[in-house]
């Protein structure tokens, strides 16, 4: 006789967090550095994607593995927008390279959106960036659909304008708005993503067990 293992239903949660500079995108660290645990005390919540320790801004977290995959997996190509403070002022040719022609050491990038913007009204970073009075600076708004290791920094370095400060301001439909560093708020899951989650749930496999063995059964 077979019996289904019944697992308690759990409400799917989605959090938007403004990650400060110097915080690791994980909940533990053997070296004693700041982690998400210093700001978020919710069991079962995990980041949907990464954000480097020396980068700041929007990070999404969820307790739903399927939702985590929909947000973070490169195959879904959810756009991510960054405010990037760079050394020097890129000309139109450099911006065109960012949009269409960048080839990194792990291959060419997908088309990106890039434009110079007015300095965004953002919080002061601690510690502040290294400034050199002899070299001007500017901000670029850059939107990509990939998530390669340190991709944005490598892109701006490839056009000769190293990144000084990097803030992720938007992922898909979610924007950081006025959320301050170290703070988070809970979000409603968009209906479009709920539909995808419900579809996946209806097609999931069920875990069955018997006295002799366990197996997956559709």
C-alpha atoms as a PDB file:
ATOM      1  CA  UNK A   1       0.000   0.000   0.000  1.00  0.00           C
ATOM      2  CA  UNK A   2       1.380   3.344  -1.027  1.00  0.00           C
ATOM      3  CA  UNK A   3       0.979   6.569   0.910  1.00  0.00           C
ATOM      4  CA  UNK A   4       1.705  10.095  -0.206  1.00  0.00           C
ATOM      5  CA  UNK A   5       3.983  12.169   1.975  1.00  0.00           C
ATOM      6  CA  UNK A   6       1.974  15.263   2.852  1.00  0.00           C
ATOM      7  CA  UNK A   7       4.040  18.407   3.291  1.00  0.00           C
ATOM      8  CA  UNK A   8       2.525  21.451   5.001  1.00  0.00           C
ATOM      9  CA  UNK A   9       1.778  24.301   2.636  1.00  0.00           C
ATOM     10  CA  UNK A  10       3.875  27.411   3.133  1.00  0.00           C
ATOM     11  CA  UNK A  11       3.050  30.897   2.023  1.00  0.00           C
ATOM     12  CA  UNK A  12       5.435  32.120  -0.638  1.00  0.00           C
ATOM     13  CA  UNK A  13       7.263  35.250   0.478  1.00  0.00           C
ATOM     14  CA  UNK A  14       9.242  37.816  -1.485  1.00  0.00           C
ATOM     15  CA  UNK A  15      11.475  40.424   0.150  1.00  0.00           C
ATOM     16  CA  UNK A  16      13.239  43.439  -1.334  1.00  0.00           C
ATOM     17  CA  UNK A  17      16.443  44.353   0.501  1.00  0.00           C
ATOM     18  CA  UNK A  18      18.833  47.268  -0.017  1.00  0.00           C
ATOM     19  CA  UNK A  19      22.190  45.594   0.508  1.00  0.00           C
ATOM     20  CA  UNK A  20      24.827  47.920   1.936  1.00  0.00           C
ATOM     21  CA  UNK A  21      28.412  48.022   0.728  1.00  0.00           C
ATOM     22  CA  UNK A  22      30.589  45.354   2.339  1.00  0.00           C
ATOM     23  CA  UNK A  23      27.783  42.874   3.101  1.00  0.00           C
ATOM     24  CA  UNK A  24      28.015  39.316   1.779  1.00  0.00           C
ATOM     25  CA  UNK A  25      25.026  37.884  -0.105  1.00  0.00           C
ATOM     26  CA  UNK A  26      24.776  34.913   2.257  1.00  0.00           C
ATOM     27  CA  UNK A  27      23.684  34.227   5.821  1.00  0.00           C
ATOM     28  CA  UNK A  28      26.898  32.827   7.316  1.00  0.00           C
ATOM     29  CA  UNK A  29      30.590  33.658   7.129  1.00  0.00           C
ATOM     30  CA  UNK A  30      33.437  31.981   8.977  1.00  0.00           C
ATOM     31  CA  UNK A  31      35.557  35.126   8.785  1.00  0.00           C
ATOM     32  CA  UNK A  32      33.116  37.237  10.758  1.00  0.00           C
ATOM     33  CA  UNK A  33      32.180  39.604   7.941  1.00  0.00           C
ATOM     34  CA  UNK A  34      28.731  41.155   7.714  1.00  0.00           C
ATOM     35  CA  UNK A  35      26.098  38.944   6.092  1.00  0.00           C
ATOM     36  CA  UNK A  36      22.381  39.056   5.392  1.00  0.00           C
ATOM     37  CA  UNK A  37      21.803  37.600   8.862  1.00  0.00           C
ATOM     38  CA  UNK A  38      22.818  40.949  10.368  1.00  0.00           C
ATOM     39  CA  UNK A  39      19.767  42.540   8.737  1.00  0.00           C
ATOM     40  CA  UNK A  40      17.172  39.818   8.047  1.00  0.00           C
ATOM     41  CA  UNK A  41      16.009  37.344  10.682  1.00  0.00           C
ATOM     42  CA  UNK A  42      13.510  35.236   8.748  1.00  0.00           C
ATOM     43  CA  UNK A  43      14.070  31.461   8.578  1.00  0.00           C
ATOM     44  CA  UNK A  44      13.888  29.754   5.198  1.00  0.00           C
ATOM     45  CA  UNK A  45      14.560  32.896   3.150  1.00  0.00           C
ATOM     46  CA  UNK A  46      17.291  32.794   0.501  1.00  0.00           C
ATOM     47  CA  UNK A  47      18.625  35.326  -2.025  1.00  0.00           C
ATOM     48  CA  UNK A  48      17.379  35.101  -5.612  1.00  0.00           C
ATOM     49  CA  UNK A  49      20.678  35.841  -7.318  1.00  0.00           C
ATOM     50  CA  UNK A  50      23.906  37.403  -6.140  1.00  0.00           C
ATOM     51  CA  UNK A  51      25.303  40.848  -5.523  1.00  0.00           C
ATOM     52  CA  UNK A  52      29.033  41.269  -4.930  1.00  0.00           C
ATOM     53  CA  UNK A  53      30.269  42.324  -1.515  1.00  0.00           C
ATOM     54  CA  UNK A  54      31.581  45.615  -2.928  1.00  0.00           C
ATOM     55  CA  UNK A  55      28.309  46.344  -4.755  1.00  0.00           C
ATOM     56  CA  UNK A  56      25.175  47.877  -3.268  1.00  0.00           C
ATOM     57  CA  UNK A  57      21.479  47.989  -3.816  1.00  0.00           C
ATOM     58  CA  UNK A  58      18.553  45.795  -4.666  1.00  0.00           C
ATOM     59  CA  UNK A  59      18.525  42.146  -3.647  1.00  0.00           C
ATOM     60  CA  UNK A  60      15.449  39.921  -3.770  1.00  0.00           C
ATOM     61  CA  UNK A  61      14.954  37.060  -1.325  1.00  0.00           C
ATOM     62  CA  UNK A  62      12.304  34.342  -1.215  1.00  0.00           C
ATOM     63  CA  UNK A  63      11.387  31.075   0.482  1.00  0.00           C
ATOM     64  CA  UNK A  64      10.069  29.619  -2.787  1.00  0.00           C
ATOM     65  CA  UNK A  65      12.650  27.747  -4.848  1.00  0.00           C
ATOM     66  CA  UNK A  66      10.650  28.005  -8.073  1.00  0.00           C
ATOM     67  CA  UNK A  67      10.261  31.755  -7.638  1.00  0.00           C
ATOM     68  CA  UNK A  68      13.964  32.022  -6.857  1.00  0.00           C
ATOM     69  CA  UNK A  69      14.708  30.294 -10.163  1.00  0.00           C
ATOM     70  CA  UNK A  70      12.308  32.506 -12.141  1.00  0.00           C
ATOM     71  CA  UNK A  71      14.076  35.603 -10.817  1.00  0.00           C
ATOM     72  CA  UNK A  72      17.704  34.483 -10.841  1.00  0.00           C
ATOM     73  CA  UNK A  73      18.115  31.962 -13.651  1.00  0.00           C
ATOM     74  CA  UNK A  74      19.834  33.434 -16.753  1.00  0.00           C
ATOM     75  CA  UNK A  75      17.478  31.454 -19.005  1.00  0.00           C
ATOM     76  CA  UNK A  76      14.597  33.727 -17.948  1.00  0.00           C
ATOM     77  CA  UNK A  77      16.657  36.827 -18.852  1.00  0.00           C
ATOM     78  CA  UNK A  78      15.021  39.104 -16.292  1.00  0.00           C
ATOM     79  CA  UNK A  79      16.569  42.562 -16.860  1.00  0.00           C
ATOM     80  CA  UNK A  80      18.720  44.084 -14.122  1.00  0.00           C
ATOM     81  CA  UNK A  81      19.464  47.818 -14.039  1.00  0.00           C
ATOM     82  CA  UNK A  82      22.477  49.402 -12.367  1.00  0.00           C
ATOM     83  CA  UNK A  83      23.677  52.884 -11.569  1.00  0.00           C
ATOM     84  CA  UNK A  84      27.389  52.793 -12.257  1.00  0.00           C
ATOM     85  CA  UNK A  85      29.779  55.546 -11.228  1.00  0.00           C
ATOM     86  CA  UNK A  86      32.796  55.322 -13.524  1.00  0.00           C
ATOM     87  CA  UNK A  87      36.150  56.958 -13.874  1.00  0.00           C
ATOM     88  CA  UNK A  88      36.211  59.399 -16.778  1.00  0.00           C
ATOM     89  CA  UNK A  89      33.373  60.276 -19.152  1.00  0.00           C
ATOM     90  CA  UNK A  90      32.613  57.706 -21.877  1.00  0.00           C
ATOM     91  CA  UNK A  91      32.057  59.083 -25.370  1.00  0.00           C
ATOM     92  CA  UNK A  92      29.354  57.878 -27.769  1.00  0.00           C
ATOM     93  CA  UNK A  93      31.635  55.205 -29.233  1.00  0.00           C
ATOM     94  CA  UNK A  94      32.353  53.766 -25.785  1.00  0.00           C
ATOM     95  CA  UNK A  95      28.626  53.688 -24.990  1.00  0.00           C
ATOM     96  CA  UNK A  96      27.940  51.904 -28.292  1.00  0.00           C
ATOM     97  CA  UNK A  97      30.510  49.282 -27.307  1.00  0.00           C
ATOM     98  CA  UNK A  98      28.662  48.744 -24.027  1.00  0.00           C
ATOM     99  CA  UNK A  99      25.416  48.281 -25.930  1.00  0.00           C
ATOM    100  CA  UNK A 100      26.515  45.922 -28.668  1.00  0.00           C
ATOM    101  CA  UNK A 101      30.163  45.004 -28.969  1.00  0.00           C
ATOM    102  CA  UNK A 102      31.635  43.983 -25.614  1.00  0.00           C
ATOM    103  CA  UNK A 103      33.434  40.640 -25.655  1.00  0.00           C
ATOM    104  CA  UNK A 104      34.615  39.443 -22.245  1.00  0.00           C
ATOM    105  CA  UNK A 105      37.062  36.646 -21.592  1.00  0.00           C
ATOM    106  CA  UNK A 106      34.107  34.265 -21.228  1.00  0.00           C
ATOM    107  CA  UNK A 107      32.500  35.348 -24.501  1.00  0.00           C
ATOM    108  CA  UNK A 108      30.387  38.146 -26.006  1.00  0.00           C
ATOM    109  CA  UNK A 109      27.626  39.716 -23.936  1.00  0.00           C
ATOM    110  CA  UNK A 110      23.976  40.008 -24.842  1.00  0.00           C
ATOM    111  CA  UNK A 111      22.868  43.457 -26.054  1.00  0.00           C
ATOM    112  CA  UNK A 112      22.722  45.920 -23.157  1.00  0.00           C
ATOM    113  CA  UNK A 113      21.194  49.348 -22.600  1.00  0.00           C
ATOM    114  CA  UNK A 114      23.587  52.113 -21.565  1.00  0.00           C
ATOM    115  CA  UNK A 115      23.287  55.868 -21.159  1.00  0.00           C
ATOM    116  CA  UNK A 116      24.951  58.622 -19.165  1.00  0.00           C
ATOM    117  CA  UNK A 117      22.635  59.968 -16.453  1.00  0.00           C
ATOM    118  CA  UNK A 118      22.573  62.804 -13.938  1.00  0.00           C
ATOM    119  CA  UNK A 119      24.061  61.726 -10.605  1.00  0.00           C
ATOM    120  CA  UNK A 120      21.271  59.787  -8.842  1.00  0.00           C
ATOM    121  CA  UNK A 121      20.099  60.944  -5.434  1.00  0.00           C
ATOM    122  CA  UNK A 122      21.606  58.092  -3.423  1.00  0.00           C
ATOM    123  CA  UNK A 123      22.897  57.544   0.093  1.00  0.00           C
ATOM    124  CA  UNK A 124      26.485  58.206   1.082  1.00  0.00           C
ATOM    125  CA  UNK A 125      28.668  55.131   0.876  1.00  0.00           C
ATOM    126  CA  UNK A 126      30.829  54.066   3.810  1.00  0.00           C
ATOM    127  CA  UNK A 127      33.693  54.043   3.154  1.00  0.00           C
ATOM    128  CA  UNK A 128      33.432  56.630   0.339  1.00  0.00           C
ATOM    129  CA  UNK A 129      34.923  55.930  -3.068  1.00  0.00           C
ATOM    130  CA  UNK A 130      38.496  56.890  -3.843  1.00  0.00           C
ATOM    131  CA  UNK A 131      38.420  60.240  -5.625  1.00  0.00           C
ATOM    132  CA  UNK A 132      41.091  61.740  -7.866  1.00  0.00           C
ATOM    133  CA  UNK A 133      40.563  65.431  -8.571  1.00  0.00           C
ATOM    134  CA  UNK A 134      42.538  65.239 -11.810  1.00  0.00           C
ATOM    135  CA  UNK A 135      40.130  62.669 -13.328  1.00  0.00           C
ATOM    136  CA  UNK A 136      36.422  63.446 -13.877  1.00  0.00           C
ATOM    137  CA  UNK A 137      33.664  60.982 -13.023  1.00  0.00           C
ATOM    138  CA  UNK A 138      30.156  60.305 -14.252  1.00  0.00           C
ATOM    139  CA  UNK A 139      27.221  57.950 -13.766  1.00  0.00           C
ATOM    140  CA  UNK A 140      25.943  55.446 -16.312  1.00  0.00           C
ATOM    141  CA  UNK A 141      22.621  53.612 -16.193  1.00  0.00           C
ATOM    142  CA  UNK A 142      23.245  50.099 -17.492  1.00  0.00           C
ATOM    143  CA  UNK A 143      20.651  47.363 -18.056  1.00  0.00           C
ATOM    144  CA  UNK A 144      21.728  43.783 -18.722  1.00  0.00           C
ATOM    145  CA  UNK A 145      19.961  40.425 -19.017  1.00  0.00           C
ATOM    146  CA  UNK A 146      22.799  38.235 -17.801  1.00  0.00           C
ATOM    147  CA  UNK A 147      24.464  37.660 -14.476  1.00  0.00           C
ATOM    148  CA  UNK A 148      28.059  36.731 -15.117  1.00  0.00           C
ATOM    149  CA  UNK A 149      30.631  37.100 -12.379  1.00  0.00           C
ATOM    150  CA  UNK A 150      31.387  40.825 -11.888  1.00  0.00           C
ATOM    151  CA  UNK A 151      29.957  41.466 -15.338  1.00  0.00           C
ATOM    152  CA  UNK A 152      29.230  45.189 -15.033  1.00  0.00           C
ATOM    153  CA  UNK A 153      32.673  45.971 -13.649  1.00  0.00           C
ATOM    154  CA  UNK A 154      34.297  43.992 -16.447  1.00  0.00           C
ATOM    155  CA  UNK A 155      32.164  45.759 -19.048  1.00  0.00           C
ATOM    156  CA  UNK A 156      33.146  49.266 -17.961  1.00  0.00           C
ATOM    157  CA  UNK A 157      36.792  48.229 -17.630  1.00  0.00           C
ATOM    158  CA  UNK A 158      36.667  46.929 -21.216  1.00  0.00           C
ATOM    159  CA  UNK A 159      35.820  50.433 -22.501  1.00  0.00           C
ATOM    160  CA  UNK A 160      38.531  52.059 -20.376  1.00  0.00           C
ATOM    161  CA  UNK A 161      36.271  53.455 -17.636  1.00  0.00           C
ATOM    162  CA  UNK A 162      36.719  51.479 -14.396  1.00  0.00           C
ATOM    163  CA  UNK A 163      33.759  51.219 -12.045  1.00  0.00           C
ATOM    164  CA  UNK A 164      34.089  53.280  -8.873  1.00  0.00           C
ATOM    165  CA  UNK A 165      30.676  52.533  -7.377  1.00  0.00           C
ATOM    166  CA  UNK A 166      27.987  50.059  -8.375  1.00  0.00           C
ATOM    167  CA  UNK A 167      24.345  50.169  -7.246  1.00  0.00           C
ATOM    168  CA  UNK A 168      21.675  47.801  -8.528  1.00  0.00           C
ATOM    169  CA  UNK A 169      18.472  49.823  -8.695  1.00  0.00           C
ATOM    170  CA  UNK A 170      16.020  47.476 -10.433  1.00  0.00           C
ATOM    171  CA  UNK A 171      15.346  43.799 -11.162  1.00  0.00           C
ATOM    172  CA  UNK A 172      12.500  43.152 -13.588  1.00  0.00           C
ATOM    173  CA  UNK A 173       9.481  45.111 -12.260  1.00  0.00           C
ATOM    174  CA  UNK A 174      10.988  45.752  -8.813  1.00  0.00           C
ATOM    175  CA  UNK A 175      12.787  49.048  -8.111  1.00  0.00           C
ATOM    176  CA  UNK A 176      14.695  50.129  -5.031  1.00  0.00           C
ATOM    177  CA  UNK A 177      12.919  53.506  -4.866  1.00  0.00           C
ATOM    178  CA  UNK A 178      13.473  55.170  -1.483  1.00  0.00           C
ATOM    179  CA  UNK A 179      14.449  52.070   0.501  1.00  0.00           C
ATOM    180  CA  UNK A 180      17.522  52.867   2.584  1.00  0.00           C
ATOM    181  CA  UNK A 181      20.621  50.646   2.962  1.00  0.00           C
ATOM    182  CA  UNK A 182      20.143  47.816   5.463  1.00  0.00           C
ATOM    183  CA  UNK A 183      16.336  47.971   5.242  1.00  0.00           C
ATOM    184  CA  UNK A 184      13.907  45.554   3.606  1.00  0.00           C
ATOM    185  CA  UNK A 185      10.212  45.364   2.800  1.00  0.00           C
ATOM    186  CA  UNK A 186       7.908  42.542   1.814  1.00  0.00           C
ATOM    187  CA  UNK A 187       6.441  42.529  -1.685  1.00  0.00           C
ATOM    188  CA  UNK A 188       3.366  41.109  -3.341  1.00  0.00           C
ATOM    189  CA  UNK A 189       4.241  38.450  -5.884  1.00  0.00           C
ATOM    190  CA  UNK A 190       3.080  39.690  -9.323  1.00  0.00           C
ATOM    191  CA  UNK A 191       0.141  37.841 -10.866  1.00  0.00           C
ATOM    192  CA  UNK A 192       2.242  36.866 -13.903  1.00  0.00           C
ATOM    193  CA  UNK A 193       4.732  35.039 -11.672  1.00  0.00           C
ATOM    194  CA  UNK A 194       1.968  33.494  -9.569  1.00  0.00           C
ATOM    195  CA  UNK A 195       0.507  31.996 -12.754  1.00  0.00           C
ATOM    196  CA  UNK A 196       3.873  30.451 -13.612  1.00  0.00           C
ATOM    197  CA  UNK A 197       4.269  29.090 -10.086  1.00  0.00           C
ATOM    198  CA  UNK A 198       0.770  27.588 -10.126  1.00  0.00           C
ATOM    199  CA  UNK A 199       1.443  25.983 -13.495  1.00  0.00           C
ATOM    200  CA  UNK A 200       4.686  24.468 -12.220  1.00  0.00           C
ATOM    201  CA  UNK A 201       2.940  23.291  -9.060  1.00  0.00           C
ATOM    202  CA  UNK A 202       0.229  21.507 -11.043  1.00  0.00           C
ATOM    203  CA  UNK A 203       2.887  19.653 -13.052  1.00  0.00           C
ATOM    204  CA  UNK A 204       5.166  18.751 -10.158  1.00  0.00           C
ATOM    205  CA  UNK A 205       5.965  15.185  -9.320  1.00  0.00           C
ATOM    206  CA  UNK A 206       4.622  13.661  -6.134  1.00  0.00           C
ATOM    207  CA  UNK A 207       6.763  11.850  -3.677  1.00  0.00           C
ATOM    208  CA  UNK A 208       5.518   8.377  -2.944  1.00  0.00           C
ATOM    209  CA  UNK A 209       6.711   5.929  -0.410  1.00  0.00           C
ATOM    210  CA  UNK A 210       6.113   2.298   0.404  1.00  0.00           C
ATOM    211  CA  UNK A 211       7.246  -0.113   3.054  1.00  0.00           C
ATOM    212  CA  UNK A 212      10.030  -1.387   0.766  1.00  0.00           C
ATOM    213  CA  UNK A 213      11.196   1.642  -1.201  1.00  0.00           C
ATOM    214  CA  UNK A 214      10.635   5.251  -2.168  1.00  0.00           C
ATOM    215  CA  UNK A 215      10.286   6.583  -5.651  1.00  0.00           C
ATOM    216  CA  UNK A 216       9.115   9.566  -7.696  1.00  0.00           C
ATOM    217  CA  UNK A 217       5.792   9.084  -9.419  1.00  0.00           C
ATOM    218  CA  UNK A 218       3.972  11.463 -11.747  1.00  0.00           C
END
